[in-house]
Amino acid sequence: MTSNLPRVFNGHKFRVVTIKYFPTIDHEPEGAGGLDTRVRLRDSLNTRMLVDIARHLNFT
């Protein structure tokens, strides 16, 4: 069975929506806040998994 899903994402940039739920996921805003504010991920379980998956599948 052949999958149509890409094996790598060629550096594609994804937008992720999350809420703080430490120790699973934690972040802090980089800007003044609002709906389109970038966040900096803090060290947490899901952050580590997301970083490893992004490295393996080539996306940011």
N, C-alpha and C. Protein backbone atom coordinates (compact mmCIF):
# COMPACT_ATOMS: atom_id res chain seq x y z
N MET A 1 0.84 -1.17 0.00
CA MET A 1 0.00 0.00 0.00
C MET A 1 0.89 1.24 0.00
N THR A 2 0.63 2.16 -0.90
CA THR A 2 1.43 3.36 -1.05
C THR A 2 0.72 4.54 -0.42
N SER A 3 1.48 5.35 0.31
CA SER A 3 0.92 6.53 0.97
C SER A 3 1.22 7.77 0.14
N ASN A 4 0.27 8.71 0.08
CA ASN A 4 0.48 9.97 -0.62
C ASN A 4 1.09 11.03 0.30
N LEU A 5 1.35 10.69 1.56
CA LEU A 5 1.92 11.64 2.49
C LEU A 5 3.41 11.82 2.23
N PRO A 6 3.90 13.06 2.30
CA PRO A 6 5.33 13.27 2.08
C PRO A 6 6.15 12.68 3.22
N ARG A 7 7.34 12.20 2.90
CA ARG A 7 8.23 11.66 3.92
C ARG A 7 9.02 12.79 4.59
N VAL A 8 9.26 13.87 3.86
CA VAL A 8 9.91 15.06 4.42
C VAL A 8 9.13 16.28 3.94
N PHE A 9 9.28 17.38 4.62
CA PHE A 9 8.49 18.57 4.30
C PHE A 9 9.32 19.69 3.68
N ASN A 10 10.57 19.40 3.29
CA ASN A 10 11.42 20.34 2.56
C ASN A 10 11.48 21.72 3.20
N GLY A 11 11.61 21.78 4.51
CA GLY A 11 11.74 23.05 5.21
C GLY A 11 10.45 23.84 5.36
N HIS A 12 9.30 23.22 5.08
CA HIS A 12 8.02 23.91 5.19
C HIS A 12 7.83 24.46 6.61
N LYS A 13 7.21 25.62 6.71
CA LYS A 13 6.97 26.25 8.00
C LYS A 13 5.51 26.01 8.40
N PHE A 14 5.31 25.41 9.57
CA PHE A 14 3.97 25.13 10.08
C PHE A 14 3.62 26.09 11.20
N ARG A 15 2.34 26.39 11.34
CA ARG A 15 1.85 27.17 12.47
C ARG A 15 1.14 26.19 13.41
N VAL A 16 1.51 26.24 14.68
CA VAL A 16 0.98 25.31 15.67
C VAL A 16 0.17 26.08 16.70
N VAL A 17 -0.98 25.55 17.07
CA VAL A 17 -1.82 26.15 18.09
C VAL A 17 -1.76 25.27 19.33
N THR A 18 -1.54 25.89 20.50
CA THR A 18 -1.42 25.12 21.73
C THR A 18 -1.84 25.97 22.92
N ILE A 19 -2.04 25.33 24.03
CA ILE A 19 -2.25 26.02 25.30
C ILE A 19 -1.21 25.51 26.27
N LYS A 20 -0.87 26.32 27.26
CA LYS A 20 0.09 25.88 28.26
C LYS A 20 -0.51 24.77 29.10
N TYR A 21 0.24 23.72 29.26
CA TYR A 21 -0.18 22.60 30.10
C TYR A 21 1.07 21.89 30.59
N PHE A 22 1.83 22.57 31.47
CA PHE A 22 3.07 22.02 31.97
C PHE A 22 2.79 20.77 32.81
N PRO A 23 3.54 19.72 32.71
CA PRO A 23 4.84 19.55 32.07
C PRO A 23 4.76 19.07 30.63
N THR A 24 3.55 18.93 30.09
CA THR A 24 3.43 18.42 28.73
C THR A 24 3.90 19.44 27.70
N ILE A 25 3.42 20.67 27.78
CA ILE A 25 3.83 21.72 26.83
C ILE A 25 3.90 23.04 27.59
N ASP A 26 4.91 23.84 27.29
CA ASP A 26 5.07 25.13 27.96
C ASP A 26 5.70 26.10 26.97
N HIS A 27 5.26 27.36 27.01
CA HIS A 27 5.80 28.38 26.11
C HIS A 27 5.65 29.75 26.74
N GLU A 28 6.34 30.74 26.16
CA GLU A 28 6.20 32.13 26.60
C GLU A 28 6.09 33.01 25.35
N PRO A 29 5.27 34.06 25.39
CA PRO A 29 5.10 34.93 24.21
C PRO A 29 6.37 35.73 23.93
N GLU A 30 6.64 35.97 22.66
CA GLU A 30 7.78 36.80 22.26
C GLU A 30 7.37 38.25 22.05
N GLY A 31 6.06 38.49 21.89
CA GLY A 31 5.59 39.84 21.64
C GLY A 31 4.66 40.33 22.73
N ALA A 32 3.82 41.29 22.36
CA ALA A 32 2.92 41.92 23.32
C ALA A 32 1.69 41.07 23.61
N GLY A 33 1.50 40.00 22.91
CA GLY A 33 0.32 39.16 23.09
C GLY A 33 -0.64 39.34 21.94
N GLY A 34 -1.72 38.61 21.95
CA GLY A 34 -2.69 38.69 20.87
C GLY A 34 -2.74 37.39 20.10
N LEU A 35 -3.58 37.36 19.08
CA LEU A 35 -3.82 36.12 18.34
C LEU A 35 -2.65 35.71 17.45
N ASP A 36 -1.89 36.67 16.95
CA ASP A 36 -0.82 36.34 16.00
C ASP A 36 0.57 36.49 16.62
N THR A 37 0.67 36.31 17.93
CA THR A 37 1.95 36.46 18.64
C THR A 37 2.77 35.19 18.53
N ARG A 38 4.03 35.36 18.19
CA ARG A 38 4.95 34.22 18.18
C ARG A 38 5.29 33.86 19.61
N VAL A 39 5.57 32.60 19.83
CA VAL A 39 5.94 32.13 21.16
C VAL A 39 7.27 31.40 21.11
N ARG A 40 7.95 31.37 22.23
CA ARG A 40 9.19 30.61 22.38
C ARG A 40 8.87 29.41 23.25
N LEU A 41 9.15 28.24 22.72
CA LEU A 41 8.87 27.02 23.48
C LEU A 41 9.86 26.86 24.61
N ARG A 42 9.38 26.46 25.76
CA ARG A 42 10.24 26.13 26.89
C ARG A 42 10.44 24.62 26.90
N ASP A 43 11.43 24.18 27.62
CA ASP A 43 11.72 22.75 27.69
C ASP A 43 10.56 22.01 28.35
N SER A 44 9.99 21.07 27.62
CA SER A 44 8.89 20.24 28.12
C SER A 44 8.85 18.97 27.27
N LEU A 45 8.02 18.04 27.66
CA LEU A 45 7.93 16.76 26.96
C LEU A 45 7.54 16.94 25.48
N ASN A 46 6.45 17.64 25.21
CA ASN A 46 6.00 17.81 23.82
C ASN A 46 6.95 18.67 23.01
N THR A 47 7.61 19.63 23.66
CA THR A 47 8.60 20.45 22.96
C THR A 47 9.73 19.58 22.45
N ARG A 48 10.23 18.69 23.29
CA ARG A 48 11.31 17.79 22.87
C ARG A 48 10.86 16.89 21.72
N MET A 49 9.64 16.36 21.81
CA MET A 49 9.14 15.50 20.73
C MET A 49 8.98 16.30 19.43
N LEU A 50 8.41 17.51 19.52
CA LEU A 50 8.20 18.33 18.33
C LEU A 50 9.52 18.71 17.66
N VAL A 51 10.51 19.07 18.45
CA VAL A 51 11.82 19.42 17.91
C VAL A 51 12.46 18.22 17.21
N ASP A 52 12.39 17.04 17.80
CA ASP A 52 12.96 15.84 17.18
C ASP A 52 12.23 15.46 15.90
N ILE A 53 10.91 15.53 15.92
CA ILE A 53 10.13 15.21 14.71
C ILE A 53 10.43 16.21 13.60
N ALA A 54 10.51 17.52 13.96
CA ALA A 54 10.81 18.55 12.95
C ALA A 54 12.18 18.33 12.33
N ARG A 55 13.15 17.97 13.14
CA ARG A 55 14.50 17.70 12.62
C ARG A 55 14.47 16.49 11.68
N HIS A 56 13.77 15.47 12.08
CA HIS A 56 13.72 14.23 11.29
C HIS A 56 12.97 14.43 9.97
N LEU A 57 11.87 15.19 10.00
CA LEU A 57 11.03 15.37 8.80
C LEU A 57 11.29 16.69 8.06
N ASN A 58 12.26 17.48 8.53
CA ASN A 58 12.69 18.71 7.87
C ASN A 58 11.56 19.74 7.74
N PHE A 59 11.06 20.22 8.89
CA PHE A 59 10.14 21.35 8.89
C PHE A 59 10.42 22.23 10.08
N THR A 60 9.88 23.44 10.06
CA THR A 60 10.03 24.36 11.19
C THR A 60 8.67 24.75 11.69
